[in-house]
């Protein structure tokens, strides 16, 4: 009996410890987003954590079309979009955002990024969508406790909740504010694939 009680206490405090570490990592990720992109909305924060959870969010149906779109985006890329920092997303840190300007300036070969992106799409998460809704709701509660000055927070919170009610695996674009201010152009790459294929070029 005493042994069972000790095991119960151990499991209880282990779960508390895991929950605390998760919350701290979520806070750290949110603060990084706000510090680097002060005009981020809740929609942009959602996208950050969504990409960490689902990866690209979908499989690649046509490699040629993906390549053509990459070339088109690169041709339209201008100096104003010259972000060269590879960023890890979410709190699990399963994926990174690789800026397209690293291809534009010759740091990363276009074919290498293309293959890394296609391989990463094959790792698209099969996690149950209802688990994502639970996780996102938990993330929102943590953000609310942080009392950050995020524009249109309540409106975005309600809008996202409505969209998730219709589609529990809903992917969102960056907000119009974010797009206008930061001109994001990147590809999502699974972290291990990035380290294997692309990190050597960035270093």
Protein backbone atom coordinates (compact mmCIF):
# COMPACT_ATOMS: atom_id res chain seq x y z
CA UNK A 1 0.00 0.00 0.00
CA UNK A 2 2.77 2.41 0.96
CA UNK A 3 4.58 1.53 -2.25
CA UNK A 4 1.49 2.34 -4.34
CA UNK A 5 1.10 5.70 -2.59
CA UNK A 6 4.73 6.58 -3.33
CA UNK A 7 4.24 5.68 -6.99
CA UNK A 8 1.10 7.85 -7.14
CA UNK A 9 2.96 10.81 -5.64
CA UNK A 10 5.83 10.28 -8.10
CA UNK A 11 3.49 10.22 -11.10
CA UNK A 12 1.58 13.25 -9.81
CA UNK A 13 4.67 15.42 -9.40
CA UNK A 14 6.15 14.14 -12.68
CA UNK A 15 3.02 15.27 -14.53
CA UNK A 16 3.16 18.66 -12.79
CA UNK A 17 6.81 19.00 -13.77
CA UNK A 18 6.08 18.12 -17.41
CA UNK A 19 3.18 20.57 -17.51
CA UNK A 20 5.34 23.34 -16.05
CA UNK A 21 8.13 22.74 -18.57
CA UNK A 22 5.62 22.74 -21.41
CA UNK A 23 4.13 26.03 -20.22
CA UNK A 24 7.54 27.65 -19.92
CA UNK A 25 8.49 26.53 -23.43
CA UNK A 26 5.21 27.87 -24.80
CA UNK A 27 5.81 31.21 -23.08
CA UNK A 28 9.35 31.34 -24.45
CA UNK A 29 8.12 30.68 -27.98
CA UNK A 30 5.41 33.35 -27.73
CA UNK A 31 7.86 35.91 -26.34
CA UNK A 32 10.35 35.13 -29.11
CA UNK A 33 7.62 35.73 -31.68
CA UNK A 34 6.58 39.05 -30.10
CA UNK A 35 10.15 40.26 -29.63
CA UNK A 36 11.16 39.46 -33.21
CA UNK A 37 7.85 40.41 -34.77
CA UNK A 38 6.20 43.00 -32.45
CA UNK A 39 3.17 43.41 -34.73
CA UNK A 40 2.27 39.72 -34.58
CA UNK A 41 -1.39 38.95 -34.06
CA UNK A 42 -2.84 35.86 -32.40
CA UNK A 43 -3.35 34.50 -35.91
CA UNK A 44 0.43 34.65 -36.50
CA UNK A 45 1.11 32.97 -33.17
CA UNK A 46 -1.42 30.28 -34.12
CA UNK A 47 0.47 29.69 -37.37
CA UNK A 48 3.74 29.29 -35.45
CA UNK A 49 2.40 26.56 -33.17
CA UNK A 50 0.36 24.95 -35.95
CA UNK A 51 3.47 24.50 -38.07
CA UNK A 52 5.27 22.90 -35.13
CA UNK A 53 2.37 20.47 -34.64
CA UNK A 54 1.44 19.60 -38.23
CA UNK A 55 4.54 20.53 -40.21
CA UNK A 56 3.62 21.71 -43.69
CA UNK A 57 0.03 20.74 -42.91
CA UNK A 58 -0.40 18.69 -46.07
CA UNK A 59 1.28 16.24 -48.39
CA UNK A 60 2.78 17.36 -51.70
CA UNK A 61 0.54 16.26 -54.60
CA UNK A 62 2.71 17.53 -57.46
CA UNK A 63 6.47 18.06 -57.09
CA UNK A 64 6.71 19.96 -60.37
CA UNK A 65 4.07 22.45 -59.28
CA UNK A 66 5.89 22.92 -55.96
CA UNK A 67 9.14 23.62 -57.83
CA UNK A 68 7.45 26.08 -60.21
CA UNK A 69 5.88 27.97 -57.31
CA UNK A 70 9.24 28.15 -55.51
CA UNK A 71 10.92 29.58 -58.64
CA UNK A 72 8.10 32.07 -59.06
CA UNK A 73 8.34 33.22 -55.45
CA UNK A 74 12.11 33.55 -55.69
CA UNK A 75 11.82 35.68 -58.83
CA UNK A 76 9.54 38.10 -56.96
CA UNK A 77 11.71 38.24 -53.86
CA UNK A 78 13.21 41.68 -53.26
CA UNK A 79 15.67 43.18 -50.82
CA UNK A 80 12.87 44.18 -48.48
CA UNK A 81 12.41 40.48 -47.72
CA UNK A 82 16.07 39.83 -46.88
CA UNK A 83 15.55 37.77 -43.74
CA UNK A 84 18.39 35.23 -43.42
CA UNK A 85 17.62 33.77 -39.99
CA UNK A 86 16.47 30.16 -39.82
CA UNK A 87 13.81 30.07 -37.10
CA UNK A 88 12.56 27.15 -35.07
CA UNK A 89 8.81 27.09 -34.48
CA UNK A 90 6.48 26.20 -31.63
CA UNK A 91 7.45 24.65 -28.31
CA UNK A 92 8.28 21.14 -29.48
CA UNK A 93 10.77 22.50 -32.02
CA UNK A 94 9.94 19.86 -34.64
CA UNK A 95 10.22 22.19 -37.65
CA UNK A 96 12.11 25.27 -38.81
CA UNK A 97 11.32 28.12 -41.18
CA UNK A 98 14.01 28.48 -43.84
CA UNK A 99 13.94 31.99 -45.40
CA UNK A 100 13.86 32.00 -49.19
CA UNK A 101 16.37 34.83 -49.21
CA UNK A 102 19.01 32.23 -48.27
CA UNK A 103 18.33 30.72 -51.69
CA UNK A 104 18.09 34.10 -53.40
CA UNK A 105 21.55 35.15 -52.12
CA UNK A 106 23.13 31.81 -53.03
CA UNK A 107 23.61 30.44 -49.51
CA UNK A 108 21.35 27.41 -50.04
CA UNK A 109 20.96 25.73 -53.46
CA UNK A 110 17.35 25.91 -54.65
CA UNK A 111 17.19 22.18 -55.41
CA UNK A 112 18.38 21.33 -51.89
CA UNK A 113 15.67 23.44 -50.28
CA UNK A 114 13.09 21.99 -52.64
CA UNK A 115 14.00 18.40 -51.76
CA UNK A 116 14.15 19.21 -48.05
CA UNK A 117 10.67 20.73 -48.25
CA UNK A 118 9.24 17.76 -50.18
CA UNK A 119 10.79 15.30 -47.73
CA UNK A 120 9.41 17.32 -44.83
CA UNK A 121 5.91 17.27 -46.32
CA UNK A 122 6.07 13.48 -46.22
CA UNK A 123 6.43 13.73 -42.44
CA UNK A 124 3.14 15.68 -42.15
CA UNK A 125 1.60 14.85 -38.79
CA UNK A 126 -1.23 12.35 -38.49
CA UNK A 127 -2.01 13.55 -34.96
CA UNK A 128 -5.69 13.61 -34.15
CA UNK A 129 -7.14 17.02 -34.91
CA UNK A 130 -9.11 17.10 -31.67
CA UNK A 131 -5.82 16.92 -29.77
CA UNK A 132 -4.69 20.02 -31.65
CA UNK A 133 -7.79 21.91 -30.55
CA UNK A 134 -7.10 20.98 -26.94
CA UNK A 135 -3.47 22.03 -27.30
CA UNK A 136 -4.35 25.34 -28.92
CA UNK A 137 -6.92 26.13 -26.24
CA UNK A 138 -4.23 25.49 -23.64
CA UNK A 139 -1.81 27.78 -25.50
CA UNK A 140 -4.42 30.55 -25.59
CA UNK A 141 -4.94 30.29 -21.82
CA UNK A 142 -1.19 30.61 -21.27
CA UNK A 143 -1.02 33.67 -23.55
CA UNK A 144 -3.92 35.26 -21.69
CA UNK A 145 -2.07 34.85 -18.41
CA UNK A 146 0.97 36.58 -19.97
CA UNK A 147 -1.14 39.76 -20.45
CA UNK A 148 0.56 40.78 -23.67
CA UNK A 149 -0.63 43.74 -25.71
CA UNK A 150 -1.61 41.83 -28.85
CA UNK A 151 -3.79 43.72 -31.31
CA UNK A 152 -7.32 42.34 -31.87
CA UNK A 153 -6.61 39.46 -29.50
CA UNK A 154 -10.22 38.71 -28.52
CA UNK A 155 -11.50 39.02 -32.08
CA UNK A 156 -8.82 36.66 -33.38
CA UNK A 157 -9.39 34.25 -30.50
CA UNK A 158 -13.09 33.99 -31.36
CA UNK A 159 -12.47 33.81 -35.10
CA UNK A 160 -9.97 30.97 -34.71
CA UNK A 161 -12.34 29.09 -32.38
CA UNK A 162 -15.12 29.35 -34.98
CA UNK A 163 -12.84 28.11 -37.76
CA UNK A 164 -11.63 25.17 -35.67
CA UNK A 165 -15.22 24.23 -34.90
CA UNK A 166 -15.76 23.83 -38.65
CA UNK A 167 -12.40 22.21 -39.38
CA UNK A 168 -10.32 20.90 -36.42
CA UNK A 169 -7.19 20.93 -38.60
CA UNK A 170 -7.63 24.44 -39.96
CA UNK A 171 -4.45 26.04 -41.33
CA UNK A 172 -4.22 29.83 -41.43
CA UNK A 173 -2.17 32.32 -43.39
CA UNK A 174 -0.20 35.07 -41.71
CA UNK A 175 -2.27 38.10 -40.83
CA UNK A 176 -2.45 41.01 -43.23
CA UNK A 177 -0.60 43.13 -40.66
CA UNK A 178 2.24 40.60 -40.48
CA UNK A 179 2.48 40.23 -44.26
CA UNK A 180 2.62 43.98 -44.82
CA UNK A 181 5.17 44.60 -42.07
CA UNK A 182 7.54 41.65 -42.41
CA UNK A 183 7.08 40.24 -45.95
CA UNK A 184 7.54 36.60 -44.88
CA UNK A 185 8.91 34.20 -47.50
CA UNK A 186 10.06 30.82 -46.25
CA UNK A 187 9.61 27.06 -46.44
CA UNK A 188 8.88 24.77 -43.53
CA UNK A 189 11.47 21.99 -43.09
CA UNK A 190 11.50 19.19 -40.54
CA UNK A 191 14.32 19.82 -38.06
CA UNK A 192 16.29 16.60 -38.67
CA UNK A 193 16.03 17.03 -42.44
CA UNK A 194 17.23 20.61 -42.06
CA UNK A 195 20.25 19.49 -40.05
CA UNK A 196 21.06 16.75 -42.58
CA UNK A 197 20.46 18.63 -45.81
CA UNK A 198 20.67 22.37 -45.25
CA UNK A 199 22.50 23.34 -42.07
CA UNK A 200 25.92 22.80 -43.70
CA UNK A 201 25.18 25.57 -46.22
CA UNK A 202 24.02 28.03 -43.57
CA UNK A 203 27.09 27.42 -41.42
